[in-house]
């Protein structure tokens, strides 16, 4: 019986192959046979881990979202250790949703492909909804924490502001994807800073000086 580490490695190898196929040829190009060829393994081995194409797609979508969450957790942990403000940490986290480099561009294209497919697939739609709700919830928590440390005005509606910030970020990401020449990185980050600056108007009492 394969070890858990081997099982996870095979899952990663297969879902990474699915991502490459989506980026290069679109989601409709993904088949078990093409995925096996892209991953450098037999069709039988792919089917050992995923008995159906839909399961393979679901695992890929879940893995992409999981990577984003893991990166955000790492950024927050590092930011807290360095004494960064909540606004700074939130800015870093939100930029992970934007196609500002090759890795994030690939993830954005995969998420977009799955978003289209989710309109006709209840299981993908559930993952999409859970991920989006999770992002809004984390942003709302950051805003609430900001009211405690002085970065955000007391008495605000954190959930409402989180909805606005996440929607703005996703719209900005879409513009960056469609028109990269017209959306240079400095301009994109400046727009995000302006949006966050409308909410985080105060000074953090806990951030490390200097």
C-alpha atoms as a PDB file:
ATOM      1  CA  UNK A   1       0.000   0.000   0.000  1.00  0.00           C
ATOM      2  CA  UNK A   2       1.532   3.387  -0.984  1.00  0.00           C
ATOM      3  CA  UNK A   3       2.625   5.710   1.759  1.00  0.00           C
ATOM      4  CA  UNK A   4       0.654   8.899   2.387  1.00  0.00           C
ATOM      5  CA  UNK A   5       3.581  11.009   1.129  1.00  0.00           C
ATOM      6  CA  UNK A   6       3.649   9.051  -2.141  1.00  0.00           C
ATOM      7  CA  UNK A   7      -0.110   9.394  -2.477  1.00  0.00           C
ATOM      8  CA  UNK A   8       0.070  13.162  -1.983  1.00  0.00           C
ATOM      9  CA  UNK A   9       2.971  13.466  -4.413  1.00  0.00           C
ATOM     10  CA  UNK A  10       1.036  11.592  -7.109  1.00  0.00           C
ATOM     11  CA  UNK A  11      -2.015  13.770  -6.508  1.00  0.00           C
ATOM     12  CA  UNK A  12       0.145  16.842  -6.894  1.00  0.00           C
ATOM     13  CA  UNK A  13       1.785  15.511 -10.042  1.00  0.00           C
ATOM     14  CA  UNK A  14      -1.594  14.835 -11.633  1.00  0.00           C
ATOM     15  CA  UNK A  15      -3.285  18.088 -10.608  1.00  0.00           C
ATOM     16  CA  UNK A  16      -0.249  20.097 -11.740  1.00  0.00           C
ATOM     17  CA  UNK A  17      -0.560  18.409 -15.135  1.00  0.00           C
ATOM     18  CA  UNK A  18      -4.239  19.377 -15.266  1.00  0.00           C
ATOM     19  CA  UNK A  19      -3.317  22.986 -14.549  1.00  0.00           C
ATOM     20  CA  UNK A  20      -0.766  23.047 -17.368  1.00  0.00           C
ATOM     21  CA  UNK A  21      -3.303  21.645 -19.815  1.00  0.00           C
ATOM     22  CA  UNK A  22      -5.868  24.257 -18.784  1.00  0.00           C
ATOM     23  CA  UNK A  23      -3.401  27.116 -19.247  1.00  0.00           C
ATOM     24  CA  UNK A  24      -2.116  25.842 -22.583  1.00  0.00           C
ATOM     25  CA  UNK A  25      -5.296  24.481 -24.166  1.00  0.00           C
ATOM     26  CA  UNK A  26      -8.305  25.318 -21.993  1.00  0.00           C
ATOM     27  CA  UNK A  27     -10.316  23.264 -19.539  1.00  0.00           C
ATOM     28  CA  UNK A  28     -12.266  21.395 -22.224  1.00  0.00           C
ATOM     29  CA  UNK A  29      -8.992  19.899 -23.445  1.00  0.00           C
ATOM     30  CA  UNK A  30      -8.487  18.006 -20.197  1.00  0.00           C
ATOM     31  CA  UNK A  31      -8.980  14.253 -20.456  1.00  0.00           C
ATOM     32  CA  UNK A  32      -7.592  11.410 -18.399  1.00  0.00           C
ATOM     33  CA  UNK A  33      -5.405  10.307 -21.310  1.00  0.00           C
ATOM     34  CA  UNK A  34      -3.979  13.771 -21.983  1.00  0.00           C
ATOM     35  CA  UNK A  35      -3.420  14.331 -18.270  1.00  0.00           C
ATOM     36  CA  UNK A  36      -1.535  11.038 -17.997  1.00  0.00           C
ATOM     37  CA  UNK A  37       0.697  11.993 -20.931  1.00  0.00           C
ATOM     38  CA  UNK A  38       1.316  15.470 -19.476  1.00  0.00           C
ATOM     39  CA  UNK A  39       2.131  14.003 -16.056  1.00  0.00           C
ATOM     40  CA  UNK A  40       4.403  11.332 -17.535  1.00  0.00           C
ATOM     41  CA  UNK A  41       2.479   8.369 -16.175  1.00  0.00           C
ATOM     42  CA  UNK A  42       0.108   5.703 -17.414  1.00  0.00           C
ATOM     43  CA  UNK A  43      -3.631   6.154 -17.790  1.00  0.00           C
ATOM     44  CA  UNK A  44      -4.122   3.300 -15.368  1.00  0.00           C
ATOM     45  CA  UNK A  45      -2.098   5.061 -12.682  1.00  0.00           C
ATOM     46  CA  UNK A  46      -4.114   8.262 -13.074  1.00  0.00           C
ATOM     47  CA  UNK A  47      -7.313   6.234 -12.809  1.00  0.00           C
ATOM     48  CA  UNK A  48      -5.969   4.593  -9.659  1.00  0.00           C
ATOM     49  CA  UNK A  49      -6.068   7.992  -7.962  1.00  0.00           C
ATOM     50  CA  UNK A  50      -9.062   9.466  -9.776  1.00  0.00           C
ATOM     51  CA  UNK A  51     -11.819   7.189 -10.994  1.00  0.00           C
ATOM     52  CA  UNK A  52     -13.477   9.958 -13.028  1.00  0.00           C
ATOM     53  CA  UNK A  53     -12.478  13.141 -14.807  1.00  0.00           C
ATOM     54  CA  UNK A  54     -14.780  15.231 -12.603  1.00  0.00           C
ATOM     55  CA  UNK A  55     -12.952  14.024  -9.491  1.00  0.00           C
ATOM     56  CA  UNK A  56      -9.644  15.004 -11.051  1.00  0.00           C
ATOM     57  CA  UNK A  57     -10.953  18.480 -11.901  1.00  0.00           C
ATOM     58  CA  UNK A  58     -12.414  18.947  -8.427  1.00  0.00           C
ATOM     59  CA  UNK A  59      -9.106  17.969  -6.829  1.00  0.00           C
ATOM     60  CA  UNK A  60      -7.240  20.415  -9.064  1.00  0.00           C
ATOM     61  CA  UNK A  61      -9.578  23.300  -8.232  1.00  0.00           C
ATOM     62  CA  UNK A  62      -9.350  22.513  -4.527  1.00  0.00           C
ATOM     63  CA  UNK A  63      -5.557  22.330  -4.707  1.00  0.00           C
ATOM     64  CA  UNK A  64      -5.263  25.714  -6.457  1.00  0.00           C
ATOM     65  CA  UNK A  65      -7.420  27.352  -3.794  1.00  0.00           C
ATOM     66  CA  UNK A  66      -5.504  25.571  -1.058  1.00  0.00           C
ATOM     67  CA  UNK A  67      -2.202  26.921  -2.330  1.00  0.00           C
ATOM     68  CA  UNK A  68      -3.567  30.446  -2.209  1.00  0.00           C
ATOM     69  CA  UNK A  69      -4.764  29.960   1.370  1.00  0.00           C
ATOM     70  CA  UNK A  70      -1.407  28.501   2.428  1.00  0.00           C
ATOM     71  CA  UNK A  71       0.476  31.463   0.970  1.00  0.00           C
ATOM     72  CA  UNK A  72      -1.799  33.914   2.741  1.00  0.00           C
ATOM     73  CA  UNK A  73      -1.306  32.096   6.052  1.00  0.00           C
ATOM     74  CA  UNK A  74       2.445  32.273   5.555  1.00  0.00           C
ATOM     75  CA  UNK A  75       2.286  35.992   4.746  1.00  0.00           C
ATOM     76  CA  UNK A  76       0.184  36.718   7.831  1.00  0.00           C
ATOM     77  CA  UNK A  77       2.466  34.706  10.123  1.00  0.00           C
ATOM     78  CA  UNK A  78       5.527  36.476   8.759  1.00  0.00           C
ATOM     79  CA  UNK A  79       3.835  39.870   8.960  1.00  0.00           C
ATOM     80  CA  UNK A  80       2.834  39.337  12.572  1.00  0.00           C
ATOM     81  CA  UNK A  81       6.375  38.271  13.449  1.00  0.00           C
ATOM     82  CA  UNK A  82       7.750  41.409  11.770  1.00  0.00           C
ATOM     83  CA  UNK A  83       5.198  43.683  13.440  1.00  0.00           C
ATOM     84  CA  UNK A  84       3.529  44.812  10.232  1.00  0.00           C
ATOM     85  CA  UNK A  85       0.217  46.646  10.247  1.00  0.00           C
ATOM     86  CA  UNK A  86      -2.983  44.819   9.381  1.00  0.00           C
ATOM     87  CA  UNK A  87      -3.360  46.982   6.268  1.00  0.00           C
ATOM     88  CA  UNK A  88       0.095  45.929   5.069  1.00  0.00           C
ATOM     89  CA  UNK A  89      -0.627  42.259   5.622  1.00  0.00           C
ATOM     90  CA  UNK A  90      -4.026  42.498   3.935  1.00  0.00           C
ATOM     91  CA  UNK A  91      -2.475  44.246   0.933  1.00  0.00           C
ATOM     92  CA  UNK A  92       0.048  41.419   0.546  1.00  0.00           C
ATOM     93  CA  UNK A  93      -2.664  38.795   0.887  1.00  0.00           C
ATOM     94  CA  UNK A  94      -4.929  40.395  -1.720  1.00  0.00           C
ATOM     95  CA  UNK A  95      -2.132  40.686  -4.266  1.00  0.00           C
ATOM     96  CA  UNK A  96      -1.956  36.890  -4.212  1.00  0.00           C
ATOM     97  CA  UNK A  97      -5.263  36.962  -6.114  1.00  0.00           C
ATOM     98  CA  UNK A  98      -3.792  39.088  -8.887  1.00  0.00           C
ATOM     99  CA  UNK A  99      -1.925  37.870 -11.996  1.00  0.00           C
ATOM    100  CA  UNK A 100       1.192  39.927 -11.281  1.00  0.00           C
ATOM    101  CA  UNK A 101       3.750  37.239 -12.121  1.00  0.00           C
ATOM    102  CA  UNK A 102       3.877  33.934 -13.985  1.00  0.00           C
ATOM    103  CA  UNK A 103       2.828  31.781 -11.025  1.00  0.00           C
ATOM    104  CA  UNK A 104      -0.114  33.959 -10.035  1.00  0.00           C
ATOM    105  CA  UNK A 105      -1.063  34.425 -13.693  1.00  0.00           C
ATOM    106  CA  UNK A 106      -1.294  30.659 -14.095  1.00  0.00           C
ATOM    107  CA  UNK A 107      -3.453  30.312 -10.989  1.00  0.00           C
ATOM    108  CA  UNK A 108      -5.711  33.134 -12.133  1.00  0.00           C
ATOM    109  CA  UNK A 109      -6.258  31.489 -15.521  1.00  0.00           C
ATOM    110  CA  UNK A 110      -7.075  28.183 -13.832  1.00  0.00           C
ATOM    111  CA  UNK A 111      -9.520  29.828 -11.422  1.00  0.00           C
ATOM    112  CA  UNK A 112     -11.209  31.636 -14.325  1.00  0.00           C
ATOM    113  CA  UNK A 113     -11.555  28.400 -16.270  1.00  0.00           C
ATOM    114  CA  UNK A 114     -13.128  26.670 -13.292  1.00  0.00           C
ATOM    115  CA  UNK A 115     -15.415  29.642 -12.611  1.00  0.00           C
ATOM    116  CA  UNK A 116     -16.940  29.184 -16.064  1.00  0.00           C
ATOM    117  CA  UNK A 117     -17.288  25.434 -15.548  1.00  0.00           C
ATOM    118  CA  UNK A 118     -18.779  25.902 -12.076  1.00  0.00           C
ATOM    119  CA  UNK A 119     -21.884  27.424 -13.653  1.00  0.00           C
ATOM    120  CA  UNK A 120     -22.765  23.909 -14.832  1.00  0.00           C
ATOM    121  CA  UNK A 121     -21.188  21.791 -12.088  1.00  0.00           C
ATOM    122  CA  UNK A 122     -22.620  21.862  -8.571  1.00  0.00           C
ATOM    123  CA  UNK A 123     -19.523  20.387  -6.908  1.00  0.00           C
ATOM    124  CA  UNK A 124     -17.180  22.932  -8.491  1.00  0.00           C
ATOM    125  CA  UNK A 125     -19.659  25.685  -7.650  1.00  0.00           C
ATOM    126  CA  UNK A 126     -19.598  24.591  -4.005  1.00  0.00           C
ATOM    127  CA  UNK A 127     -15.793  24.818  -3.874  1.00  0.00           C
ATOM    128  CA  UNK A 128     -15.903  28.194  -5.607  1.00  0.00           C
ATOM    129  CA  UNK A 129     -18.512  29.530  -3.185  1.00  0.00           C
ATOM    130  CA  UNK A 130     -16.700  28.157  -0.127  1.00  0.00           C
ATOM    131  CA  UNK A 131     -13.433  29.734  -1.261  1.00  0.00           C
ATOM    132  CA  UNK A 132     -15.001  33.123  -1.951  1.00  0.00           C
ATOM    133  CA  UNK A 133     -16.877  33.147   1.347  1.00  0.00           C
ATOM    134  CA  UNK A 134     -13.644  32.207   3.097  1.00  0.00           C
ATOM    135  CA  UNK A 135     -11.749  35.082   1.492  1.00  0.00           C
ATOM    136  CA  UNK A 136     -14.452  37.608   2.424  1.00  0.00           C
ATOM    137  CA  UNK A 137     -14.547  36.225   5.945  1.00  0.00           C
ATOM    138  CA  UNK A 138     -10.795  36.624   6.365  1.00  0.00           C
ATOM    139  CA  UNK A 139     -10.892  40.168   5.034  1.00  0.00           C
ATOM    140  CA  UNK A 140     -13.787  41.003   7.360  1.00  0.00           C
ATOM    141  CA  UNK A 141     -11.805  39.582  10.285  1.00  0.00           C
ATOM    142  CA  UNK A 142      -8.801  41.718   9.318  1.00  0.00           C
ATOM    143  CA  UNK A 143     -11.037  44.813   9.277  1.00  0.00           C
ATOM    144  CA  UNK A 144     -12.522  43.896  12.654  1.00  0.00           C
ATOM    145  CA  UNK A 145      -9.036  43.419  14.066  1.00  0.00           C
ATOM    146  CA  UNK A 146      -8.204  46.836  12.660  1.00  0.00           C
ATOM    147  CA  UNK A 147     -10.895  48.434  14.807  1.00  0.00           C
ATOM    148  CA  UNK A 148      -9.206  46.963  17.872  1.00  0.00           C
ATOM    149  CA  UNK A 149      -5.718  48.229  17.126  1.00  0.00           C
ATOM    150  CA  UNK A 150      -6.796  51.634  15.834  1.00  0.00           C
ATOM    151  CA  UNK A 151      -6.344  51.225  12.079  1.00  0.00           C
ATOM    152  CA  UNK A 152     -10.084  51.191  11.344  1.00  0.00           C
ATOM    153  CA  UNK A 153     -12.841  53.433  12.669  1.00  0.00           C
ATOM    154  CA  UNK A 154     -15.094  51.900  15.296  1.00  0.00           C
ATOM    155  CA  UNK A 155     -18.677  51.029  14.378  1.00  0.00           C
ATOM    156  CA  UNK A 156     -18.112  50.046  10.760  1.00  0.00           C
ATOM    157  CA  UNK A 157     -19.745  47.084   9.008  1.00  0.00           C
ATOM    158  CA  UNK A 158     -16.772  44.750   8.458  1.00  0.00           C
ATOM    159  CA  UNK A 159     -18.695  42.311   6.262  1.00  0.00           C
ATOM    160  CA  UNK A 160     -19.940  45.067   3.944  1.00  0.00           C
ATOM    161  CA  UNK A 161     -16.477  46.591   3.585  1.00  0.00           C
ATOM    162  CA  UNK A 162     -14.951  43.148   2.997  1.00  0.00           C
ATOM    163  CA  UNK A 163     -17.409  42.553   0.155  1.00  0.00           C
ATOM    164  CA  UNK A 164     -16.392  45.840  -1.463  1.00  0.00           C
ATOM    165  CA  UNK A 165     -12.674  45.207  -1.079  1.00  0.00           C
ATOM    166  CA  UNK A 166     -12.790  41.647  -2.429  1.00  0.00           C
ATOM    167  CA  UNK A 167     -15.026  42.635  -5.350  1.00  0.00           C
ATOM    168  CA  UNK A 168     -12.685  45.534  -6.177  1.00  0.00           C
ATOM    169  CA  UNK A 169      -9.652  43.248  -5.996  1.00  0.00           C
ATOM    170  CA  UNK A 170     -11.191  40.636  -8.277  1.00  0.00           C
ATOM    171  CA  UNK A 171     -12.224  43.303 -10.777  1.00  0.00           C
ATOM    172  CA  UNK A 172      -8.723  44.743 -10.728  1.00  0.00           C
ATOM    173  CA  UNK A 173      -7.286  41.263 -11.238  1.00  0.00           C
ATOM    174  CA  UNK A 174      -9.552  40.706 -14.245  1.00  0.00           C
ATOM    175  CA  UNK A 175      -8.460  43.984 -15.844  1.00  0.00           C
ATOM    176  CA  UNK A 176      -4.830  43.047 -15.240  1.00  0.00           C
ATOM    177  CA  UNK A 177      -5.385  39.702 -16.943  1.00  0.00           C
ATOM    178  CA  UNK A 178      -7.244  41.091 -19.953  1.00  0.00           C
ATOM    179  CA  UNK A 179      -5.067  44.159 -20.493  1.00  0.00           C
ATOM    180  CA  UNK A 180      -1.624  43.626 -18.911  1.00  0.00           C
ATOM    181  CA  UNK A 181      -0.043  46.431 -20.954  1.00  0.00           C
ATOM    182  CA  UNK A 182      -2.641  48.911 -19.746  1.00  0.00           C
ATOM    183  CA  UNK A 183      -2.418  47.824 -16.111  1.00  0.00           C
ATOM    184  CA  UNK A 184       1.231  48.112 -15.019  1.00  0.00           C
ATOM    185  CA  UNK A 185       1.996  46.661 -11.605  1.00  0.00           C
ATOM    186  CA  UNK A 186       2.666  50.046  -9.900  1.00  0.00           C
ATOM    187  CA  UNK A 187      -0.719  51.343 -11.053  1.00  0.00           C
ATOM    188  CA  UNK A 188      -2.487  48.176  -9.908  1.00  0.00           C
ATOM    189  CA  UNK A 189      -0.898  48.311  -6.462  1.00  0.00           C
ATOM    190  CA  UNK A 190      -1.616  52.031  -6.167  1.00  0.00           C
ATOM    191  CA  UNK A 191      -5.300  51.376  -6.919  1.00  0.00           C
ATOM    192  CA  UNK A 192      -5.407  48.653  -4.265  1.00  0.00           C
ATOM    193  CA  UNK A 193      -3.664  50.925  -1.757  1.00  0.00           C
ATOM    194  CA  UNK A 194      -6.233  53.635  -2.437  1.00  0.00           C
ATOM    195  CA  UNK A 195      -9.097  51.194  -1.818  1.00  0.00           C
ATOM    196  CA  UNK A 196      -7.588  49.926   1.425  1.00  0.00           C
ATOM    197  CA  UNK A 197      -6.735  53.461   2.496  1.00  0.00           C
ATOM    198  CA  UNK A 198     -10.432  54.309   2.506  1.00  0.00           C
ATOM    199  CA  UNK A 199     -10.948  51.704   5.235  1.00  0.00           C
ATOM    200  CA  UNK A 200      -7.666  51.645   7.140  1.00  0.00           C
ATOM    201  CA  UNK A 201      -7.534  55.322   8.016  1.00  0.00           C
ATOM    202  CA  UNK A 202      -5.919  55.137  11.452  1.00  0.00           C
ATOM    203  CA  UNK A 203      -2.557  54.204  12.955  1.00  0.00           C
ATOM    204  CA  UNK A 204      -1.940  50.779  14.448  1.00  0.00           C
ATOM    205  CA  UNK A 205      -1.088  50.912  18.135  1.00  0.00           C
ATOM    206  CA  UNK A 206       0.649  47.531  18.009  1.00  0.00           C
ATOM    207  CA  UNK A 207       2.771  47.693  14.856  1.00  0.00           C
ATOM    208  CA  UNK A 208       6.514  47.695  15.389  1.00  0.00           C
ATOM    209  CA  UNK A 209       8.005  51.131  14.843  1.00  0.00           C
ATOM    210  CA  UNK A 210      10.784  51.453  12.289  1.00  0.00           C
END
